[in-house]
Amino acid sequence: MSIGIWQIAIVVILVVLLFGRGKISSLMGDVAKGIKSFKKGMASDVTDDSEPKNISDDNQDNNKSNNKE
């Protein structure tokens, strides 16, 4: 048994009746803002990571500063 056009139409009509058009459009707007924010964050991460960071050097520096205290 496959999903037909009538089953999809019934589900869409039920969703619109339950949530209303305003709620669905605001939800889609929030999803679009989230996608834009994610893309912007990914683009800024690429530019910030131009020089790789050595984690072991940071740990040694932190251990030295903790021993001085």
PDB file of N, CA and C in Angstrom:
ATOM      1  N   MET A   1       0.840  -1.172   0.000  1.00  0.00           N
ATOM      2  CA  MET A   1       0.000   0.000   0.000  1.00  0.00           C
ATOM      3  C   MET A   1       0.892   1.244   0.000  1.00  0.00           C
ATOM      4  N   SER A   2       0.756   2.056  -0.997  1.00  0.00           N
ATOM      5  CA  SER A   2       1.558   3.267  -1.108  1.00  0.00           C
ATOM      6  C   SER A   2       0.733   4.490  -0.704  1.00  0.00           C
ATOM      7  N   ILE A   3       1.438   5.554  -0.381  1.00  0.00           N
ATOM      8  CA  ILE A   3       0.771   6.794   0.013  1.00  0.00           C
ATOM      9  C   ILE A   3       0.357   7.538  -1.245  1.00  0.00           C
ATOM     10  N   GLY A   4      -0.906   7.852  -1.346  1.00  0.00           N
ATOM     11  CA  GLY A   4      -1.422   8.537  -2.516  1.00  0.00           C
ATOM     12  C   GLY A   4      -1.603  10.019  -2.269  1.00  0.00           C
ATOM     13  N   ILE A   5      -2.037  10.699  -3.302  1.00  0.00           N
ATOM     14  CA  ILE A   5      -2.239  12.138  -3.235  1.00  0.00           C
ATOM     15  C   ILE A   5      -3.365  12.493  -2.267  1.00  0.00           C
ATOM     16  N   TRP A   6      -4.376  11.631  -2.162  1.00  0.00           N
ATOM     17  CA  TRP A   6      -5.489  11.920  -1.262  1.00  0.00           C
ATOM     18  C   TRP A   6      -5.064  11.851   0.198  1.00  0.00           C
ATOM     19  N   GLN A   7      -4.212  10.903   0.548  1.00  0.00           N
ATOM     20  CA  GLN A   7      -3.740  10.803   1.931  1.00  0.00           C
ATOM     21  C   GLN A   7      -2.894  12.022   2.301  1.00  0.00           C
ATOM     22  N   ILE A   8      -2.051  12.465   1.383  1.00  0.00           N
ATOM     23  CA  ILE A   8      -1.224  13.648   1.634  1.00  0.00           C
ATOM     24  C   ILE A   8      -2.112  14.882   1.784  1.00  0.00           C
ATOM     25  N   ALA A   9      -3.126  15.016   0.928  1.00  0.00           N
ATOM     26  CA  ALA A   9      -4.031  16.165   0.985  1.00  0.00           C
ATOM     27  C   ALA A   9      -4.784  16.194   2.309  1.00  0.00           C
ATOM     28  N   ILE A  10      -5.232  15.047   2.787  1.00  0.00           N
ATOM     29  CA  ILE A  10      -5.958  14.981   4.059  1.00  0.00           C
ATOM     30  C   ILE A  10      -5.056  15.392   5.221  1.00  0.00           C
ATOM     31  N   VAL A  11      -3.816  14.940   5.216  1.00  0.00           N
ATOM     32  CA  VAL A  11      -2.877  15.291   6.280  1.00  0.00           C
ATOM     33  C   VAL A  11      -2.595  16.791   6.255  1.00  0.00           C
ATOM     34  N   VAL A  12      -2.413  17.368   5.081  1.00  0.00           N
ATOM     35  CA  VAL A  12      -2.163  18.810   4.964  1.00  0.00           C
ATOM     36  C   VAL A  12      -3.355  19.609   5.464  1.00  0.00           C
ATOM     37  N   ILE A  13      -4.545  19.189   5.106  1.00  0.00           N
ATOM     38  CA  ILE A  13      -5.756  19.888   5.558  1.00  0.00           C
ATOM     39  C   ILE A  13      -5.888  19.808   7.074  1.00  0.00           C
ATOM     40  N   LEU A  14      -5.615  18.663   7.658  1.00  0.00           N
ATOM     41  CA  LEU A  14      -5.686  18.520   9.109  1.00  0.00           C
ATOM     42  C   LEU A  14      -4.660  19.405   9.813  1.00  0.00           C
ATOM     43  N   VAL A  15      -3.463  19.471   9.277  1.00  0.00           N
ATOM     44  CA  VAL A  15      -2.417  20.308   9.880  1.00  0.00           C
ATOM     45  C   VAL A  15      -2.823  21.781   9.827  1.00  0.00           C
ATOM     46  N   VAL A  16      -3.355  22.210   8.695  1.00  0.00           N
ATOM     47  CA  VAL A  16      -3.787  23.605   8.560  1.00  0.00           C
ATOM     48  C   VAL A  16      -4.942  23.898   9.517  1.00  0.00           C
ATOM     49  N   LEU A  17      -5.869  22.966   9.669  1.00  0.00           N
ATOM     50  CA  LEU A  17      -6.980  23.172  10.588  1.00  0.00           C
ATOM     51  C   LEU A  17      -6.519  23.226  12.046  1.00  0.00           C
ATOM     52  N   LEU A  18      -5.554  22.400  12.399  1.00  0.00           N
ATOM     53  CA  LEU A  18      -5.089  22.351  13.780  1.00  0.00           C
ATOM     54  C   LEU A  18      -4.243  23.571  14.149  1.00  0.00           C
ATOM     55  N   PHE A  19      -3.323  23.952  13.288  1.00  0.00           N
ATOM     56  CA  PHE A  19      -2.367  25.003  13.620  1.00  0.00           C
ATOM     57  C   PHE A  19      -2.724  26.361  13.030  1.00  0.00           C
ATOM     58  N   GLY A  20      -3.452  26.388  11.965  1.00  0.00           N
ATOM     59  CA  GLY A  20      -3.782  27.657  11.326  1.00  0.00           C
ATOM     60  C   GLY A  20      -2.660  28.122  10.403  1.00  0.00           C
ATOM     61  N   ARG A  21      -3.042  28.949   9.438  1.00  0.00           N
ATOM     62  CA  ARG A  21      -2.055  29.415   8.464  1.00  0.00           C
ATOM     63  C   ARG A  21      -1.027  30.335   9.089  1.00  0.00           C
ATOM     64  N   GLY A  22      -1.430  31.177  10.028  1.00  0.00           N
ATOM     65  CA  GLY A  22      -0.501  32.120  10.655  1.00  0.00           C
ATOM     66  C   GLY A  22       0.597  31.418  11.423  1.00  0.00           C
ATOM     67  N   LYS A  23       0.218  30.397  12.169  1.00  0.00           N
ATOM     68  CA  LYS A  23       1.197  29.649  12.960  1.00  0.00           C
ATOM     69  C   LYS A  23       2.179  28.916  12.061  1.00  0.00           C
ATOM     70  N   ILE A  24       1.693  28.343  10.988  1.00  0.00           N
ATOM     71  CA  ILE A  24       2.567  27.609  10.063  1.00  0.00           C
ATOM     72  C   ILE A  24       3.524  28.568   9.364  1.00  0.00           C
ATOM     73  N   SER A  25       3.040  29.741   8.940  1.00  0.00           N
ATOM     74  CA  SER A  25       3.920  30.688   8.252  1.00  0.00           C
ATOM     75  C   SER A  25       4.970  31.254   9.203  1.00  0.00           C
ATOM     76  N   SER A  26       4.610  31.503  10.458  1.00  0.00           N
ATOM     77  CA  SER A  26       5.602  31.995  11.418  1.00  0.00           C
ATOM     78  C   SER A  26       6.628  30.912  11.737  1.00  0.00           C
ATOM     79  N   LEU A  27       6.187  29.663  11.769  1.00  0.00           N
ATOM     80  CA  LEU A  27       7.102  28.556  11.997  1.00  0.00           C
ATOM     81  C   LEU A  27       8.087  28.427  10.846  1.00  0.00           C
ATOM     82  N   MET A  28       7.608  28.575   9.617  1.00  0.00           N
ATOM     83  CA  MET A  28       8.494  28.511   8.456  1.00  0.00           C
ATOM     84  C   MET A  28       9.479  29.685   8.458  1.00  0.00           C
ATOM     85  N   GLY A  29       9.031  30.849   8.914  1.00  0.00           N
ATOM     86  CA  GLY A  29       9.929  31.999   9.033  1.00  0.00           C
ATOM     87  C   GLY A  29      11.028  31.747  10.050  1.00  0.00           C
ATOM     88  N   ASP A  30      10.671  31.116  11.171  1.00  0.00           N
ATOM     89  CA  ASP A  30      11.666  30.780  12.188  1.00  0.00           C
ATOM     90  C   ASP A  30      12.664  29.754  11.663  1.00  0.00           C
ATOM     91  N   VAL A  31      12.194  28.793  10.881  1.00  0.00           N
ATOM     92  CA  VAL A  31      13.084  27.800  10.294  1.00  0.00           C
ATOM     93  C   VAL A  31      14.056  28.473   9.326  1.00  0.00           C
ATOM     94  N   ALA A  32      13.557  29.404   8.527  1.00  0.00           N
ATOM     95  CA  ALA A  32      14.419  30.123   7.579  1.00  0.00           C
ATOM     96  C   ALA A  32      15.472  30.945   8.322  1.00  0.00           C
ATOM     97  N   LYS A  33      15.092  31.599   9.427  1.00  0.00           N
ATOM     98  CA  LYS A  33      16.056  32.362  10.217  1.00  0.00           C
ATOM     99  C   LYS A  33      17.118  31.441  10.806  1.00  0.00           C
ATOM    100  N   GLY A  34      16.706  30.271  11.244  1.00  0.00           N
ATOM    101  CA  GLY A  34      17.659  29.310  11.790  1.00  0.00           C
ATOM    102  C   GLY A  34      18.656  28.831  10.750  1.00  0.00           C
ATOM    103  N   ILE A  35      18.177  28.584   9.545  1.00  0.00           N
ATOM    104  CA  ILE A  35      19.065  28.144   8.467  1.00  0.00           C
ATOM    105  C   ILE A  35      20.051  29.246   8.116  1.00  0.00           C
ATOM    106  N   LYS A  36      19.581  30.497   8.032  1.00  0.00           N
ATOM    107  CA  LYS A  36      20.473  31.627   7.733  1.00  0.00           C
ATOM    108  C   LYS A  36      21.516  31.787   8.825  1.00  0.00           C
ATOM    109  N   SER A  37      21.100  31.663  10.074  1.00  0.00           N
ATOM    110  CA  SER A  37      22.026  31.786  11.190  1.00  0.00           C
ATOM    111  C   SER A  37      23.069  30.668  11.163  1.00  0.00           C
ATOM    112  N   PHE A  38      22.641  29.459  10.832  1.00  0.00           N
ATOM    113  CA  PHE A  38      23.558  28.330  10.746  1.00  0.00           C
ATOM    114  C   PHE A  38      24.582  28.542   9.645  1.00  0.00           C
ATOM    115  N   LYS A  39      24.125  28.999   8.477  1.00  0.00           N
ATOM    116  CA  LYS A  39      25.043  29.251   7.369  1.00  0.00           C
ATOM    117  C   LYS A  39      26.029  30.351   7.712  1.00  0.00           C
ATOM    118  N   LYS A  40      25.549  31.408   8.388  1.00  0.00           N
ATOM    119  CA  LYS A  40      26.426  32.502   8.791  1.00  0.00           C
ATOM    120  C   LYS A  40      27.461  32.005   9.800  1.00  0.00           C
ATOM    121  N   GLY A  41      27.045  31.176  10.722  1.00  0.00           N
ATOM    122  CA  GLY A  41      27.969  30.614  11.705  1.00  0.00           C
ATOM    123  C   GLY A  41      29.007  29.709  11.074  1.00  0.00           C
ATOM    124  N   MET A  42      28.592  28.920  10.111  1.00  0.00           N
ATOM    125  CA  MET A  42      29.545  28.043   9.425  1.00  0.00           C
ATOM    126  C   MET A  42      30.544  28.862   8.617  1.00  0.00           C
ATOM    127  N   ALA A  43      30.104  29.948   8.007  1.00  0.00           N
ATOM    128  CA  ALA A  43      31.008  30.790   7.218  1.00  0.00           C
ATOM    129  C   ALA A  43      32.016  31.488   8.120  1.00  0.00           C
ATOM    130  N   SER A  44      31.597  31.928   9.297  1.00  0.00           N
ATOM    131  CA  SER A  44      32.527  32.603  10.197  1.00  0.00           C
ATOM    132  C   SER A  44      33.499  31.617  10.825  1.00  0.00           C
ATOM    133  N   ASP A  45      33.101  30.369  11.031  1.00  0.00           N
ATOM    134  CA  ASP A  45      34.011  29.354  11.572  1.00  0.00           C
ATOM    135  C   ASP A  45      35.144  29.065  10.604  1.00  0.00           C
ATOM    136  N   VAL A  46      34.850  29.050   9.324  1.00  0.00           N
ATOM    137  CA  VAL A  46      35.870  28.756   8.331  1.00  0.00           C
ATOM    138  C   VAL A  46      36.920  29.860   8.322  1.00  0.00           C
ATOM    139  N   THR A  47      36.521  31.107   8.439  1.00  0.00           N
ATOM    140  CA  THR A  47      37.478  32.210   8.409  1.00  0.00           C
ATOM    141  C   THR A  47      38.258  32.302   9.716  1.00  0.00           C
ATOM    142  N   ASP A  48      37.667  31.920  10.844  1.00  0.00           N
ATOM    143  CA  ASP A  48      38.362  31.994  12.127  1.00  0.00           C
ATOM    144  C   ASP A  48      39.410  30.906  12.284  1.00  0.00           C
ATOM    145  N   ASP A  49      39.247  29.782  11.627  1.00  0.00           N
ATOM    146  CA  ASP A  49      40.152  28.652  11.772  1.00  0.00           C
ATOM    147  C   ASP A  49      41.255  28.660  10.727  1.00  0.00           C
ATOM    148  N   SER A  50      41.777  29.814  10.376  1.00  0.00           N
ATOM    149  CA  SER A  50      42.816  29.874   9.356  1.00  0.00           C
ATOM    150  C   SER A  50      44.115  29.271   9.869  1.00  0.00           C
ATOM    151  N   GLU A  51      44.373  29.358  11.185  1.00  0.00           N
ATOM    152  CA  GLU A  51      45.586  28.785  11.756  1.00  0.00           C
ATOM    153  C   GLU A  51      45.197  27.680  12.726  1.00  0.00           C
ATOM    154  N   PRO A  52      45.657  26.448  12.496  1.00  0.00           N
ATOM    155  CA  PRO A  52      45.281  25.353  13.400  1.00  0.00           C
ATOM    156  C   PRO A  52      45.849  25.585  14.801  1.00  0.00           C
ATOM    157  N   LYS A  53      45.111  25.121  15.775  1.00  0.00           N
ATOM    158  CA  LYS A  53      45.480  25.326  17.167  1.00  0.00           C
ATOM    159  C   LYS A  53      45.977  24.014  17.753  1.00  0.00           C
ATOM    160  N   ASN A  54      47.089  24.059  18.449  1.00  0.00           N
ATOM    161  CA  ASN A  54      47.655  22.875  19.069  1.00  0.00           C
ATOM    162  C   ASN A  54      47.122  22.776  20.496  1.00  0.00           C
ATOM    163  N   ILE A  55      46.332  21.772  20.757  1.00  0.00           N
ATOM    164  CA  ILE A  55      45.669  21.634  22.050  1.00  0.00           C
ATOM    165  C   ILE A  55      46.668  21.262  23.140  1.00  0.00           C
ATOM    166  N   SER A  56      47.665  20.452  22.828  1.00  0.00           N
ATOM    167  CA  SER A  56      48.617  20.026  23.849  1.00  0.00           C
ATOM    168  C   SER A  56      49.420  21.199  24.387  1.00  0.00           C
ATOM    169  N   ASP A  57      49.753  22.193  23.567  1.00  0.00           N
ATOM    170  CA  ASP A  57      50.460  23.376  24.045  1.00  0.00           C
ATOM    171  C   ASP A  57      49.599  24.153  25.037  1.00  0.00           C
ATOM    172  N   ASP A  58      48.304  24.252  24.770  1.00  0.00           N
ATOM    173  CA  ASP A  58      47.397  24.954  25.682  1.00  0.00           C
ATOM    174  C   ASP A  58      47.319  24.249  27.023  1.00  0.00           C
ATOM    175  N   ASN A  59      47.283  22.930  26.990  1.00  0.00           N
ATOM    176  CA  ASN A  59      47.206  22.174  28.236  1.00  0.00           C
ATOM    177  C   ASN A  59      48.475  22.355  29.054  1.00  0.00           C
ATOM    178  N   GLN A  60      49.635  22.395  28.413  1.00  0.00           N
ATOM    179  CA  GLN A  60      50.890  22.594  29.128  1.00  0.00           C
ATOM    180  C   GLN A  60      50.939  23.990  29.727  1.00  0.00           C
ATOM    181  N   ASP A  61      50.476  24.998  28.993  1.00  0.00           N
ATOM    182  CA  ASP A  61      50.441  26.362  29.507  1.00  0.00           C
ATOM    183  C   ASP A  61      49.520  26.470  30.715  1.00  0.00           C
ATOM    184  N   ASN A  62      48.370  25.798  30.657  1.00  0.00           N
ATOM    185  CA  ASN A  62      47.434  25.828  31.779  1.00  0.00           C
ATOM    186  C   ASN A  62      48.008  25.131  32.996  1.00  0.00           C
ATOM    187  N   ASN A  63      48.707  24.027  32.788  1.00  0.00           N
ATOM    188  CA  ASN A  63      49.321  23.312  33.906  1.00  0.00           C
ATOM    189  C   ASN A  63      50.402  24.160  34.557  1.00  0.00           C
ATOM    190  N   LYS A  64      51.191  24.887  33.787  1.00  0.00           N
ATOM    191  CA  LYS A  64      52.235  25.745  34.332  1.00  0.00           C
ATOM    192  C   LYS A  64      51.631  26.883  35.149  1.00  0.00           C
ATOM    193  N   SER A  65      50.559  27.486  34.642  1.00  0.00           N
ATOM    194  CA  SER A  65      49.932  28.574  35.378  1.00  0.00           C
ATOM    195  C   SER A  65      49.270  28.079  36.659  1.00  0.00           C
ATOM    196  N   ASN A  66      48.742  26.855  36.652  1.00  0.00           N
ATOM    197  CA  ASN A  66      48.122  26.293  37.858  1.00  0.00           C
ATOM    198  C   ASN A  66      49.190  25.968  38.905  1.00  0.00           C
ATOM    199  N   ASN A  67      50.356  25.554  38.476  1.00  0.00           N
ATOM    200  CA  ASN A  67      51.430  25.218  39.431  1.00  0.00           C
ATOM    201  C   ASN A  67      51.994  26.472  40.088  1.00  0.00           C
ATOM    202  N   LYS A  68      51.958  27.626  39.421  1.00  0.00           N
ATOM    203  CA  LYS A  68      52.478  28.870  39.985  1.00  0.00           C
ATOM    204  C   LYS A  68      51.595  29.368  41.113  1.00  0.00           C
ATOM    205  N   GLU A  69      50.337  29.068  41.067  1.00  0.00           N
ATOM    206  CA  GLU A  69      49.396  29.554  42.096  1.00  0.00           C
ATOM    207  C   GLU A  69      49.549  28.772  43.307  1.00  0.00           C
TER     208      GLU A  69
END
